[in-house]
């Protein structure tokens, strides 16, 4: 599996063999970053906002997952779980979809624009075991560093990939990544262009943070 970060909450996930591509939360150019391009087989959308639902930028007539439920597309299993975009039961920003993507025997959890103080027992049961966690850390519109660290501990993934934080050129007001790294006890960490991973590579890793270049 190869994972690359397109910026914000958008990742490109290509399966082993390279014949299936998933894009998460494609964004519009209005956020100040270059929108993702190319074809995909599956696109997941955490919620309907221009910095997460720019489906039209993706080619290939992808299957779009934009609501809770159980899906199986071309051998990929996706579980969508409803959550809140804020800490007030959705009263401020509405709902958000969490997705558990099972592909190549690896379980990836994309939290979207999660705003809850913690995950509920029902949500944790729905999500289940997580190998790779994609978690927002930029505060303002989602959880910030402290809550992100707390929620990561609830899920106990092997790898943590922070997303949805301040970037050069980004017009969305978010907090810098260093706040989350500090919360995780890290002074700094080198960013990588892509993550190439197999299930066996995750054995023995415990909540290891991976920073990616957009």
C-alpha atoms as a PDB file:
ATOM      1  CA  UNK A   1       0.000   0.000   0.000  1.00  0.00           C
ATOM      2  CA  UNK A   2       1.199   3.506  -0.839  1.00  0.00           C
ATOM      3  CA  UNK A   3      -0.199   6.542   0.992  1.00  0.00           C
ATOM      4  CA  UNK A   4       0.478  10.122  -0.082  1.00  0.00           C
ATOM      5  CA  UNK A   5      -0.944  13.302   1.424  1.00  0.00           C
ATOM      6  CA  UNK A   6      -2.515  15.889  -0.862  1.00  0.00           C
ATOM      7  CA  UNK A   7      -2.883  18.414   1.972  1.00  0.00           C
ATOM      8  CA  UNK A   8      -5.646  19.230   4.472  1.00  0.00           C
ATOM      9  CA  UNK A   9      -7.668  15.980   5.006  1.00  0.00           C
ATOM     10  CA  UNK A  10      -7.025  14.599   1.538  1.00  0.00           C
ATOM     11  CA  UNK A  11      -5.013  11.391   1.095  1.00  0.00           C
ATOM     12  CA  UNK A  12      -4.370   9.195  -1.908  1.00  0.00           C
ATOM     13  CA  UNK A  13      -4.266   5.518  -0.961  1.00  0.00           C
ATOM     14  CA  UNK A  14      -3.133   3.017  -3.613  1.00  0.00           C
ATOM     15  CA  UNK A  15      -3.379  -0.704  -2.958  1.00  0.00           C
ATOM     16  CA  UNK A  16      -0.605  -3.236  -3.310  1.00  0.00           C
ATOM     17  CA  UNK A  17      -0.249  -3.852  -7.023  1.00  0.00           C
ATOM     18  CA  UNK A  18      -1.346  -0.320  -7.864  1.00  0.00           C
ATOM     19  CA  UNK A  19      -4.672  -1.183  -9.493  1.00  0.00           C
ATOM     20  CA  UNK A  20      -7.033   0.510  -7.021  1.00  0.00           C
ATOM     21  CA  UNK A  21      -6.987   4.094  -5.750  1.00  0.00           C
ATOM     22  CA  UNK A  22      -8.906   5.768  -2.932  1.00  0.00           C
ATOM     23  CA  UNK A  23      -9.058   9.542  -2.412  1.00  0.00           C
ATOM     24  CA  UNK A  24     -10.290  10.965   0.901  1.00  0.00           C
ATOM     25  CA  UNK A  25     -11.894  14.401   1.358  1.00  0.00           C
ATOM     26  CA  UNK A  26     -10.871  16.165  -1.900  1.00  0.00           C
ATOM     27  CA  UNK A  27     -10.851  19.946  -1.431  1.00  0.00           C
ATOM     28  CA  UNK A  28     -11.596  23.019  -3.544  1.00  0.00           C
ATOM     29  CA  UNK A  29      -8.926  25.515  -4.610  1.00  0.00           C
ATOM     30  CA  UNK A  30     -10.684  28.152  -2.475  1.00  0.00           C
ATOM     31  CA  UNK A  31      -8.742  26.863   0.535  1.00  0.00           C
ATOM     32  CA  UNK A  32      -5.516  28.130  -1.053  1.00  0.00           C
ATOM     33  CA  UNK A  33      -3.980  24.752  -1.927  1.00  0.00           C
ATOM     34  CA  UNK A  34      -3.818  22.999  -5.291  1.00  0.00           C
ATOM     35  CA  UNK A  35      -6.749  20.545  -5.492  1.00  0.00           C
ATOM     36  CA  UNK A  36      -5.992  16.844  -5.938  1.00  0.00           C
ATOM     37  CA  UNK A  37      -6.068  15.531  -9.506  1.00  0.00           C
ATOM     38  CA  UNK A  38      -6.157  12.197 -11.239  1.00  0.00           C
ATOM     39  CA  UNK A  39      -8.456   9.200 -11.296  1.00  0.00           C
ATOM     40  CA  UNK A  40      -9.777   7.187  -8.386  1.00  0.00           C
ATOM     41  CA  UNK A  41     -11.919   4.103  -7.878  1.00  0.00           C
ATOM     42  CA  UNK A  42     -13.344   5.325  -4.561  1.00  0.00           C
ATOM     43  CA  UNK A  43     -13.758   8.764  -2.997  1.00  0.00           C
ATOM     44  CA  UNK A  44     -14.755   9.223   0.646  1.00  0.00           C
ATOM     45  CA  UNK A  45     -16.340  12.451   1.882  1.00  0.00           C
ATOM     46  CA  UNK A  46     -16.497  13.134   5.619  1.00  0.00           C
ATOM     47  CA  UNK A  47     -18.980  16.011   5.274  1.00  0.00           C
ATOM     48  CA  UNK A  48     -20.367  18.443   2.727  1.00  0.00           C
ATOM     49  CA  UNK A  49     -18.057  21.437   2.883  1.00  0.00           C
ATOM     50  CA  UNK A  50     -15.935  22.858   0.069  1.00  0.00           C
ATOM     51  CA  UNK A  51     -12.663  21.880   1.737  1.00  0.00           C
ATOM     52  CA  UNK A  52     -13.742  18.221   1.947  1.00  0.00           C
ATOM     53  CA  UNK A  53     -16.242  17.404  -0.836  1.00  0.00           C
ATOM     54  CA  UNK A  54     -14.800  18.555  -4.172  1.00  0.00           C
ATOM     55  CA  UNK A  55     -15.687  15.291  -5.909  1.00  0.00           C
ATOM     56  CA  UNK A  56     -15.733  16.855  -9.368  1.00  0.00           C
ATOM     57  CA  UNK A  57     -11.951  17.330  -9.334  1.00  0.00           C
ATOM     58  CA  UNK A  58     -11.453  13.540  -9.350  1.00  0.00           C
ATOM     59  CA  UNK A  59     -11.667  11.576 -12.597  1.00  0.00           C
ATOM     60  CA  UNK A  60     -12.364   7.933 -13.320  1.00  0.00           C
ATOM     61  CA  UNK A  61     -16.047   7.876 -12.324  1.00  0.00           C
ATOM     62  CA  UNK A  62     -15.294   6.851  -8.714  1.00  0.00           C
ATOM     63  CA  UNK A  63     -17.735   5.276  -6.275  1.00  0.00           C
ATOM     64  CA  UNK A  64     -18.512   8.021  -3.744  1.00  0.00           C
ATOM     65  CA  UNK A  65     -18.945   7.159  -0.064  1.00  0.00           C
ATOM     66  CA  UNK A  66     -20.497  10.113   1.773  1.00  0.00           C
ATOM     67  CA  UNK A  67     -22.691   8.634   4.494  1.00  0.00           C
ATOM     68  CA  UNK A  68     -22.616   6.098   7.340  1.00  0.00           C
ATOM     69  CA  UNK A  69     -23.021   2.440   6.451  1.00  0.00           C
ATOM     70  CA  UNK A  70     -21.228  -0.697   5.312  1.00  0.00           C
ATOM     71  CA  UNK A  71     -19.721  -0.745   1.819  1.00  0.00           C
ATOM     72  CA  UNK A  72     -17.736  -3.205  -0.248  1.00  0.00           C
ATOM     73  CA  UNK A  73     -16.271  -1.837  -3.465  1.00  0.00           C
ATOM     74  CA  UNK A  74     -13.848  -3.845  -5.590  1.00  0.00           C
ATOM     75  CA  UNK A  75     -12.725  -5.872  -2.585  1.00  0.00           C
ATOM     76  CA  UNK A  76     -12.299  -2.858  -0.296  1.00  0.00           C
ATOM     77  CA  UNK A  77     -14.462  -2.783   2.820  1.00  0.00           C
ATOM     78  CA  UNK A  78     -15.476   0.626   4.181  1.00  0.00           C
ATOM     79  CA  UNK A  79     -17.421   1.298   7.355  1.00  0.00           C
ATOM     80  CA  UNK A  80     -18.895   4.766   7.765  1.00  0.00           C
ATOM     81  CA  UNK A  81     -19.653   5.891  11.296  1.00  0.00           C
ATOM     82  CA  UNK A  82     -21.561   9.078  12.182  1.00  0.00           C
ATOM     83  CA  UNK A  83     -19.965  11.569  14.573  1.00  0.00           C
ATOM     84  CA  UNK A  84     -20.196  15.235  15.520  1.00  0.00           C
ATOM     85  CA  UNK A  85     -18.246  18.084  13.927  1.00  0.00           C
ATOM     86  CA  UNK A  86     -18.180  19.920  17.263  1.00  0.00           C
ATOM     87  CA  UNK A  87     -18.293  19.325  21.006  1.00  0.00           C
ATOM     88  CA  UNK A  88     -21.959  20.372  21.283  1.00  0.00           C
ATOM     89  CA  UNK A  89     -23.684  17.367  19.698  1.00  0.00           C
ATOM     90  CA  UNK A  90     -23.489  18.916  16.233  1.00  0.00           C
ATOM     91  CA  UNK A  91     -25.313  22.108  17.207  1.00  0.00           C
ATOM     92  CA  UNK A  92     -22.539  24.317  15.808  1.00  0.00           C
ATOM     93  CA  UNK A  93     -21.214  22.479  12.739  1.00  0.00           C
ATOM     94  CA  UNK A  94     -23.428  19.461  12.216  1.00  0.00           C
ATOM     95  CA  UNK A  95     -22.369  15.889  11.521  1.00  0.00           C
ATOM     96  CA  UNK A  96     -19.148  14.285  10.346  1.00  0.00           C
ATOM     97  CA  UNK A  97     -18.429  10.816   8.980  1.00  0.00           C
ATOM     98  CA  UNK A  98     -15.606   8.666  10.299  1.00  0.00           C
ATOM     99  CA  UNK A  99     -14.432   5.991   7.846  1.00  0.00           C
ATOM    100  CA  UNK A 100     -12.711   2.688   8.533  1.00  0.00           C
ATOM    101  CA  UNK A 101     -11.089   1.480   5.302  1.00  0.00           C
ATOM    102  CA  UNK A 102      -9.947  -2.153   5.163  1.00  0.00           C
ATOM    103  CA  UNK A 103      -7.586  -2.884   2.275  1.00  0.00           C
ATOM    104  CA  UNK A 104      -4.486  -5.091   1.870  1.00  0.00           C
ATOM    105  CA  UNK A 105      -5.204  -6.481   5.366  1.00  0.00           C
ATOM    106  CA  UNK A 106      -4.578  -2.972   6.762  1.00  0.00           C
ATOM    107  CA  UNK A 107      -7.260  -1.020   8.619  1.00  0.00           C
ATOM    108  CA  UNK A 108      -7.130   2.743   8.082  1.00  0.00           C
ATOM    109  CA  UNK A 109      -9.313   5.092  10.121  1.00  0.00           C
ATOM    110  CA  UNK A 110      -9.940   8.582   8.692  1.00  0.00           C
ATOM    111  CA  UNK A 111     -11.607  10.767  11.324  1.00  0.00           C
ATOM    112  CA  UNK A 112     -12.636  13.574   8.974  1.00  0.00           C
ATOM    113  CA  UNK A 113     -13.488  16.810  10.783  1.00  0.00           C
ATOM    114  CA  UNK A 114     -14.102  15.209  14.167  1.00  0.00           C
ATOM    115  CA  UNK A 115     -15.008  17.726  16.866  1.00  0.00           C
ATOM    116  CA  UNK A 116     -16.034  15.485  19.756  1.00  0.00           C
ATOM    117  CA  UNK A 117     -14.140  15.538  23.061  1.00  0.00           C
ATOM    118  CA  UNK A 118     -13.889  11.753  22.872  1.00  0.00           C
ATOM    119  CA  UNK A 119     -15.228   8.807  20.911  1.00  0.00           C
ATOM    120  CA  UNK A 120     -18.233   7.019  22.358  1.00  0.00           C
ATOM    121  CA  UNK A 121     -18.240   3.304  23.189  1.00  0.00           C
ATOM    122  CA  UNK A 122     -20.587   2.738  20.245  1.00  0.00           C
ATOM    123  CA  UNK A 123     -18.229   4.521  17.868  1.00  0.00           C
ATOM    124  CA  UNK A 124     -15.218   2.632  19.183  1.00  0.00           C
ATOM    125  CA  UNK A 125     -17.049  -0.652  18.664  1.00  0.00           C
ATOM    126  CA  UNK A 126     -18.026   0.348  15.132  1.00  0.00           C
ATOM    127  CA  UNK A 127     -14.475   1.369  14.228  1.00  0.00           C
ATOM    128  CA  UNK A 128     -12.746  -1.593  15.860  1.00  0.00           C
ATOM    129  CA  UNK A 129      -9.036  -2.225  15.528  1.00  0.00           C
ATOM    130  CA  UNK A 130      -7.037   0.504  13.776  1.00  0.00           C
ATOM    131  CA  UNK A 131      -3.646   0.081  12.124  1.00  0.00           C
ATOM    132  CA  UNK A 132      -3.253   3.573  10.672  1.00  0.00           C
ATOM    133  CA  UNK A 133      -5.067   6.606  12.084  1.00  0.00           C
ATOM    134  CA  UNK A 134      -5.549   9.822  10.072  1.00  0.00           C
ATOM    135  CA  UNK A 135      -6.468  12.424  12.668  1.00  0.00           C
ATOM    136  CA  UNK A 136      -7.190  16.191  12.534  1.00  0.00           C
ATOM    137  CA  UNK A 137      -4.990  18.199  14.910  1.00  0.00           C
ATOM    138  CA  UNK A 138      -5.451  21.818  13.798  1.00  0.00           C
ATOM    139  CA  UNK A 139      -8.078  22.915  16.344  1.00  0.00           C
ATOM    140  CA  UNK A 140     -10.489  25.796  15.472  1.00  0.00           C
ATOM    141  CA  UNK A 141     -12.914  23.655  13.413  1.00  0.00           C
ATOM    142  CA  UNK A 142     -11.932  20.224  14.758  1.00  0.00           C
ATOM    143  CA  UNK A 143     -10.156  18.726  17.721  1.00  0.00           C
ATOM    144  CA  UNK A 144      -6.795  20.237  18.649  1.00  0.00           C
ATOM    145  CA  UNK A 145      -3.563  18.754  19.941  1.00  0.00           C
ATOM    146  CA  UNK A 146      -4.733  17.717  23.411  1.00  0.00           C
ATOM    147  CA  UNK A 147      -7.943  16.023  22.309  1.00  0.00           C
ATOM    148  CA  UNK A 148      -6.252  14.448  19.283  1.00  0.00           C
ATOM    149  CA  UNK A 149      -3.709  12.790  21.575  1.00  0.00           C
ATOM    150  CA  UNK A 150      -6.529  11.648  23.864  1.00  0.00           C
ATOM    151  CA  UNK A 151      -8.570  10.161  21.018  1.00  0.00           C
ATOM    152  CA  UNK A 152      -5.510   8.488  19.525  1.00  0.00           C
ATOM    153  CA  UNK A 153      -5.038   6.714  22.858  1.00  0.00           C
ATOM    154  CA  UNK A 154      -8.651   5.529  22.704  1.00  0.00           C
ATOM    155  CA  UNK A 155      -7.974   3.853  19.341  1.00  0.00           C
ATOM    156  CA  UNK A 156      -4.359   2.742  19.949  1.00  0.00           C
ATOM    157  CA  UNK A 157      -3.278   2.572  16.292  1.00  0.00           C
ATOM    158  CA  UNK A 158       0.135   1.398  15.136  1.00  0.00           C
ATOM    159  CA  UNK A 159       0.711   4.564  13.109  1.00  0.00           C
ATOM    160  CA  UNK A 160      -0.726   8.076  13.481  1.00  0.00           C
ATOM    161  CA  UNK A 161      -0.792  10.475  10.522  1.00  0.00           C
ATOM    162  CA  UNK A 162      -1.788  14.018  11.583  1.00  0.00           C
ATOM    163  CA  UNK A 163      -3.842  16.091   9.114  1.00  0.00           C
ATOM    164  CA  UNK A 164      -5.959  19.252   8.892  1.00  0.00           C
ATOM    165  CA  UNK A 165      -3.420  21.693  10.329  1.00  0.00           C
ATOM    166  CA  UNK A 166      -1.735  24.939   9.321  1.00  0.00           C
ATOM    167  CA  UNK A 167       0.159  24.844   6.016  1.00  0.00           C
ATOM    168  CA  UNK A 168       1.845  27.520   3.870  1.00  0.00           C
ATOM    169  CA  UNK A 169      -0.775  29.028   1.549  1.00  0.00           C
ATOM    170  CA  UNK A 170      -3.738  27.513   3.385  1.00  0.00           C
ATOM    171  CA  UNK A 171      -6.532  30.069   3.832  1.00  0.00           C
ATOM    172  CA  UNK A 172      -8.272  28.055   6.565  1.00  0.00           C
ATOM    173  CA  UNK A 173      -7.253  29.307  10.018  1.00  0.00           C
ATOM    174  CA  UNK A 174      -5.683  26.307  11.765  1.00  0.00           C
ATOM    175  CA  UNK A 175      -3.049  25.631  14.418  1.00  0.00           C
ATOM    176  CA  UNK A 176       0.489  24.499  13.576  1.00  0.00           C
ATOM    177  CA  UNK A 177       1.455  20.815  13.680  1.00  0.00           C
ATOM    178  CA  UNK A 178       4.105  21.436  16.345  1.00  0.00           C
ATOM    179  CA  UNK A 179       1.379  21.673  19.018  1.00  0.00           C
ATOM    180  CA  UNK A 180       0.348  18.076  18.386  1.00  0.00           C
ATOM    181  CA  UNK A 181       3.932  16.853  18.209  1.00  0.00           C
ATOM    182  CA  UNK A 182       4.614  18.530  21.553  1.00  0.00           C
ATOM    183  CA  UNK A 183       1.540  16.838  23.033  1.00  0.00           C
ATOM    184  CA  UNK A 184       2.885  13.491  21.824  1.00  0.00           C
ATOM    185  CA  UNK A 185       6.277  14.161  23.386  1.00  0.00           C
ATOM    186  CA  UNK A 186       8.055  14.849  20.096  1.00  0.00           C
ATOM    187  CA  UNK A 187      10.280  17.879  19.513  1.00  0.00           C
ATOM    188  CA  UNK A 188      10.314  17.449  15.781  1.00  0.00           C
ATOM    189  CA  UNK A 189      10.054  14.774  13.141  1.00  0.00           C
ATOM    190  CA  UNK A 190      11.157  14.554   9.508  1.00  0.00           C
ATOM    191  CA  UNK A 191       8.340  14.606   6.982  1.00  0.00           C
ATOM    192  CA  UNK A 192       8.166  11.929   4.279  1.00  0.00           C
ATOM    193  CA  UNK A 193       6.884  12.146   0.688  1.00  0.00           C
ATOM    194  CA  UNK A 194       5.007   8.854   0.818  1.00  0.00           C
ATOM    195  CA  UNK A 195       4.317   5.961   3.146  1.00  0.00           C
ATOM    196  CA  UNK A 196       4.868   2.527   1.643  1.00  0.00           C
ATOM    197  CA  UNK A 197       3.535  -0.054   4.077  1.00  0.00           C
ATOM    198  CA  UNK A 198       2.544  -3.706   4.368  1.00  0.00           C
ATOM    199  CA  UNK A 199       0.709  -5.331   7.256  1.00  0.00           C
ATOM    200  CA  UNK A 200       3.910  -6.977   8.504  1.00  0.00           C
ATOM    201  CA  UNK A 201       5.600  -3.555   8.765  1.00  0.00           C
ATOM    202  CA  UNK A 202       3.126  -2.502  11.450  1.00  0.00           C
ATOM    203  CA  UNK A 203       4.001  -5.294  13.875  1.00  0.00           C
ATOM    204  CA  UNK A 204       5.562  -3.903  17.045  1.00  0.00           C
ATOM    205  CA  UNK A 205       4.733  -0.274  16.296  1.00  0.00           C
ATOM    206  CA  UNK A 206       2.694   1.541  18.951  1.00  0.00           C
ATOM    207  CA  UNK A 207       1.203   4.955  18.157  1.00  0.00           C
ATOM    208  CA  UNK A 208       4.184   5.971  16.055  1.00  0.00           C
ATOM    209  CA  UNK A 209       3.634   9.419  14.495  1.00  0.00           C
ATOM    210  CA  UNK A 210       4.284   9.793  10.767  1.00  0.00           C
ATOM    211  CA  UNK A 211       4.421  13.315   9.320  1.00  0.00           C
ATOM    212  CA  UNK A 212       3.815  13.611   5.582  1.00  0.00           C
ATOM    213  CA  UNK A 213       4.703  16.274   3.030  1.00  0.00           C
ATOM    214  CA  UNK A 214       1.683  17.648   1.136  1.00  0.00           C
END
